[in-house]
C-alpha atoms as a PDB file:
ATOM      1  CA  UNK A   1      -3.668  -5.657  16.985  1.00  0.00           C
ATOM      2  CA  UNK A   2      -1.118  -4.841  14.707  1.00  0.00           C
ATOM      3  CA  UNK A   3       1.536  -8.062  16.149  1.00  0.00           C
ATOM      4  CA  UNK A   4      -0.950 -10.073  14.884  1.00  0.00           C
ATOM      5  CA  UNK A   5      -1.138  -8.287  11.737  1.00  0.00           C
ATOM      6  CA  UNK A   6       2.741  -8.664  11.694  1.00  0.00           C
ATOM      7  CA  UNK A   7       2.331 -12.752  12.877  1.00  0.00           C
ATOM      8  CA  UNK A   8      -0.637 -13.636  10.103  1.00  0.00           C
ATOM      9  CA  UNK A   9       1.592 -11.297   7.041  1.00  0.00           C
ATOM     10  CA  UNK A  10       5.050 -12.974   7.927  1.00  0.00           C
ATOM     11  CA  UNK A  11       3.039 -16.442   8.172  1.00  0.00           C
ATOM     12  CA  UNK A  12       0.929 -15.337   5.049  1.00  0.00           C
ATOM     13  CA  UNK A  13       4.847 -14.668   3.555  1.00  0.00           C
ATOM     14  CA  UNK A  14       6.417 -17.736   4.421  1.00  0.00           C
ATOM     15  CA  UNK A  15       3.752 -20.090   3.249  1.00  0.00           C
ATOM     16  CA  UNK A  16       4.424 -18.142  -0.039  1.00  0.00           C
ATOM     17  CA  UNK A  17       8.260 -18.474  -0.403  1.00  0.00           C
ATOM     18  CA  UNK A  18       7.532 -22.189   0.427  1.00  0.00           C
ATOM     19  CA  UNK A  19       5.389 -23.360  -3.168  1.00  0.00           C
ATOM     20  CA  UNK A  20       7.668 -21.235  -5.197  1.00  0.00           C
ATOM     21  CA  UNK A  21       5.386 -18.260  -5.647  1.00  0.00           C
ATOM     22  CA  UNK A  22       8.060 -15.978  -4.511  1.00  0.00           C
ATOM     23  CA  UNK A  23      11.947 -16.384  -3.567  1.00  0.00           C
ATOM     24  CA  UNK A  24      13.450 -17.452  -0.682  1.00  0.00           C
ATOM     25  CA  UNK A  25      16.145 -15.015  -0.712  1.00  0.00           C
ATOM     26  CA  UNK A  26      13.439 -11.878  -0.386  1.00  0.00           C
ATOM     27  CA  UNK A  27      14.781 -10.285   3.362  1.00  0.00           C
ATOM     28  CA  UNK A  28      10.756  -9.121   4.638  1.00  0.00           C
ATOM     29  CA  UNK A  29      11.049  -9.505   8.223  1.00  0.00           C
ATOM     30  CA  UNK A  30      12.475  -6.634   9.370  1.00  0.00           C
ATOM     31  CA  UNK A  31      10.610  -3.795   7.081  1.00  0.00           C
ATOM     32  CA  UNK A  32       7.617  -6.054   7.485  1.00  0.00           C
ATOM     33  CA  UNK A  33       8.202  -5.492  11.332  1.00  0.00           C
ATOM     34  CA  UNK A  34       8.718  -1.867  10.778  1.00  0.00           C
ATOM     35  CA  UNK A  35       5.742  -1.232   9.423  1.00  0.00           C
ATOM     36  CA  UNK A  36       3.730  -2.949  11.974  1.00  0.00           C
ATOM     37  CA  UNK A  37       5.166  -0.641  14.353  1.00  0.00           C
ATOM     38  CA  UNK A  38       4.787   2.258  12.671  1.00  0.00           C
ATOM     39  CA  UNK A  39       1.137   1.945  12.067  1.00  0.00           C
ATOM     40  CA  UNK A  40       0.541   1.194  15.868  1.00  0.00           C
ATOM     41  CA  UNK A  41       1.558   4.500  16.101  1.00  0.00           C
ATOM     42  CA  UNK A  42      -0.665   5.998  13.976  1.00  0.00           C
ATOM     43  CA  UNK A  43      -3.175   3.837  15.366  1.00  0.00           C
ATOM     44  CA  UNK A  44      -2.655   4.501  19.350  1.00  0.00           C
ATOM     45  CA  UNK A  45      -2.289   8.158  17.962  1.00  0.00           C
ATOM     46  CA  UNK A  46      -5.085   8.424  16.527  1.00  0.00           C
ATOM     47  CA  UNK A  47      -7.024   6.440  18.721  1.00  0.00           C
ATOM     48  CA  UNK A  48      -5.986   8.739  21.540  1.00  0.00           C
ATOM     49  CA  UNK A  49      -7.184  11.664  19.809  1.00  0.00           C
ATOM     50  CA  UNK A  50     -10.424  10.796  19.752  1.00  0.00           C
ATOM     51  CA  UNK A  51     -10.806  10.278  23.082  1.00  0.00           C
ATOM     52  CA  UNK A  52      -9.408  13.885  24.560  1.00  0.00           C
END
């Protein structure tokens, strides 16, 4: 689920860079991936606690 969110956000940020809305030298890939992986861990933990 969050890998799809990462792909969507990365595509949107790349598109904004290409149109010049945000600066092209911004390093957003790694922080965005870390956020999505962290959200995946939190979501999985909450989901597994609801099933108990």
